[in-house]
Amino acid sequence: MNYTAVIFKQDDWYAGFVKEIPGANSQGKTIDEVTENLKEAIDLILENNLKHNLEDLNSLNYIEKEIVV
């Protein structure tokens, strides 16, 4: 999946966030460092969201279905 990173320079640092994922933000000395940090933030946020959603579903009968977006 593709996401939109918004990166800007602040003094000697770069900072950025991902428009589609609230809370996915980071900083770094280079644009590449910010980009890699944002990828890690996306992974952590999505993994955490999945964990919490599965915990909520433990008491329910549910069907898993793969969808392509």
C-alpha atoms as a PDB file:
ATOM      1  CA  MET A   1       0.000   0.000   0.000  1.00  0.00           C
ATOM      2  CA  ASN A   2       1.205   3.532  -0.668  1.00  0.00           C
ATOM      3  CA  TYR A   3       0.987   6.374   1.817  1.00  0.00           C
ATOM      4  CA  THR A   4       1.654  10.098   1.544  1.00  0.00           C
ATOM      5  CA  ALA A   5       4.549  11.425   3.614  1.00  0.00           C
ATOM      6  CA  VAL A   6       4.705  15.153   4.231  1.00  0.00           C
ATOM      7  CA  ILE A   7       8.272  16.155   5.071  1.00  0.00           C
ATOM      8  CA  PHE A   8       9.536  19.605   5.976  1.00  0.00           C
ATOM      9  CA  LYS A   9      12.777  21.098   7.220  1.00  0.00           C
ATOM     10  CA  GLN A  10      13.101  22.589  10.701  1.00  0.00           C
ATOM     11  CA  ASP A  11      16.494  24.188  11.266  1.00  0.00           C
ATOM     12  CA  ASP A  12      19.034  21.355  10.790  1.00  0.00           C
ATOM     13  CA  TRP A  13      16.443  18.568  11.059  1.00  0.00           C
ATOM     14  CA  TYR A  14      13.678  17.170   8.900  1.00  0.00           C
ATOM     15  CA  ALA A  15      10.292  16.240  10.308  1.00  0.00           C
ATOM     16  CA  GLY A  16       7.405  14.454   8.695  1.00  0.00           C
ATOM     17  CA  PHE A  17       4.064  12.756   9.076  1.00  0.00           C
ATOM     18  CA  VAL A  18       1.879  10.359   7.111  1.00  0.00           C
ATOM     19  CA  LYS A  19      -1.390  11.934   5.995  1.00  0.00           C
ATOM     20  CA  GLU A  20      -3.382   8.693   6.044  1.00  0.00           C
ATOM     21  CA  ILE A  21      -2.184   7.370   9.435  1.00  0.00           C
ATOM     22  CA  PRO A  22      -2.812   9.566  12.476  1.00  0.00           C
ATOM     23  CA  GLY A  23       0.121   9.433  14.864  1.00  0.00           C
ATOM     24  CA  ALA A  24       2.665   8.369  12.225  1.00  0.00           C
ATOM     25  CA  ASN A  25       5.228  11.127  12.523  1.00  0.00           C
ATOM     26  CA  SER A  26       8.970  11.292  12.936  1.00  0.00           C
ATOM     27  CA  GLN A  27      12.111  13.320  12.471  1.00  0.00           C
ATOM     28  CA  GLY A  28      15.669  12.789  11.294  1.00  0.00           C
ATOM     29  CA  LYS A  29      18.836  14.425  10.032  1.00  0.00           C
ATOM     30  CA  THR A  30      18.035  13.507   6.396  1.00  0.00           C
ATOM     31  CA  ILE A  31      14.953  12.973   4.268  1.00  0.00           C
ATOM     32  CA  ASP A  32      15.896   9.299   3.909  1.00  0.00           C
ATOM     33  CA  GLU A  33      16.119   8.917   7.679  1.00  0.00           C
ATOM     34  CA  VAL A  34      12.684  10.484   8.144  1.00  0.00           C
ATOM     35  CA  THR A  35      11.261   8.230   5.435  1.00  0.00           C
ATOM     36  CA  GLU A  36      12.648   5.092   7.081  1.00  0.00           C
ATOM     37  CA  ASN A  37      11.405   6.237  10.496  1.00  0.00           C
ATOM     38  CA  LEU A  38       7.937   6.850   9.043  1.00  0.00           C
ATOM     39  CA  LYS A  39       7.860   3.343   7.545  1.00  0.00           C
ATOM     40  CA  GLU A  40       8.678   1.940  10.978  1.00  0.00           C
ATOM     41  CA  ALA A  41       5.987   4.116  12.586  1.00  0.00           C
ATOM     42  CA  ILE A  42       3.405   2.866  10.069  1.00  0.00           C
ATOM     43  CA  ASP A  43       4.333  -0.761  10.798  1.00  0.00           C
ATOM     44  CA  LEU A  44       4.114  -0.258  14.559  1.00  0.00           C
ATOM     45  CA  ILE A  45       0.792   1.576  14.414  1.00  0.00           C
ATOM     46  CA  LEU A  46      -0.839  -0.961  12.090  1.00  0.00           C
ATOM     47  CA  GLU A  47       0.487  -3.872  14.160  1.00  0.00           C
ATOM     48  CA  ASN A  48      -0.849  -2.275  17.351  1.00  0.00           C
ATOM     49  CA  ASN A  49      -4.239  -1.568  15.767  1.00  0.00           C
ATOM     50  CA  LEU A  50      -4.504  -5.171  14.566  1.00  0.00           C
ATOM     51  CA  LYS A  51      -3.600  -6.515  18.014  1.00  0.00           C
ATOM     52  CA  HIS A  52      -6.275  -4.417  19.716  1.00  0.00           C
ATOM     53  CA  ASN A  53      -8.904  -5.269  17.102  1.00  0.00           C
ATOM     54  CA  LEU A  54      -8.222  -8.994  17.475  1.00  0.00           C
ATOM     55  CA  GLU A  55      -8.466  -8.728  21.256  1.00  0.00           C
ATOM     56  CA  ASP A  56     -11.890  -7.092  20.847  1.00  0.00           C
ATOM     57  CA  LEU A  57     -12.993  -9.901  18.526  1.00  0.00           C
ATOM     58  CA  ASN A  58     -11.986 -12.753  20.833  1.00  0.00           C
ATOM     59  CA  SER A  59     -15.494 -13.064  22.257  1.00  0.00           C
ATOM     60  CA  LEU A  60     -17.226 -12.832  18.858  1.00  0.00           C
ATOM     61  CA  ASN A  61     -17.681 -15.207  15.935  1.00  0.00           C
ATOM     62  CA  TYR A  62     -16.061 -13.514  12.970  1.00  0.00           C
ATOM     63  CA  ILE A  63     -15.021 -14.237   9.417  1.00  0.00           C
ATOM     64  CA  GLU A  64     -11.680 -13.182   7.971  1.00  0.00           C
ATOM     65  CA  LYS A  65     -11.739 -12.105   4.358  1.00  0.00           C
ATOM     66  CA  GLU A  66      -8.903 -10.611   2.341  1.00  0.00           C
ATOM     67  CA  ILE A  67      -9.781  -7.501   0.353  1.00  0.00           C
ATOM     68  CA  VAL A  68      -7.682  -5.661  -2.178  1.00  0.00           C
ATOM     69  CA  VAL A  69      -7.720  -1.875  -2.069  1.00  0.00           C
END
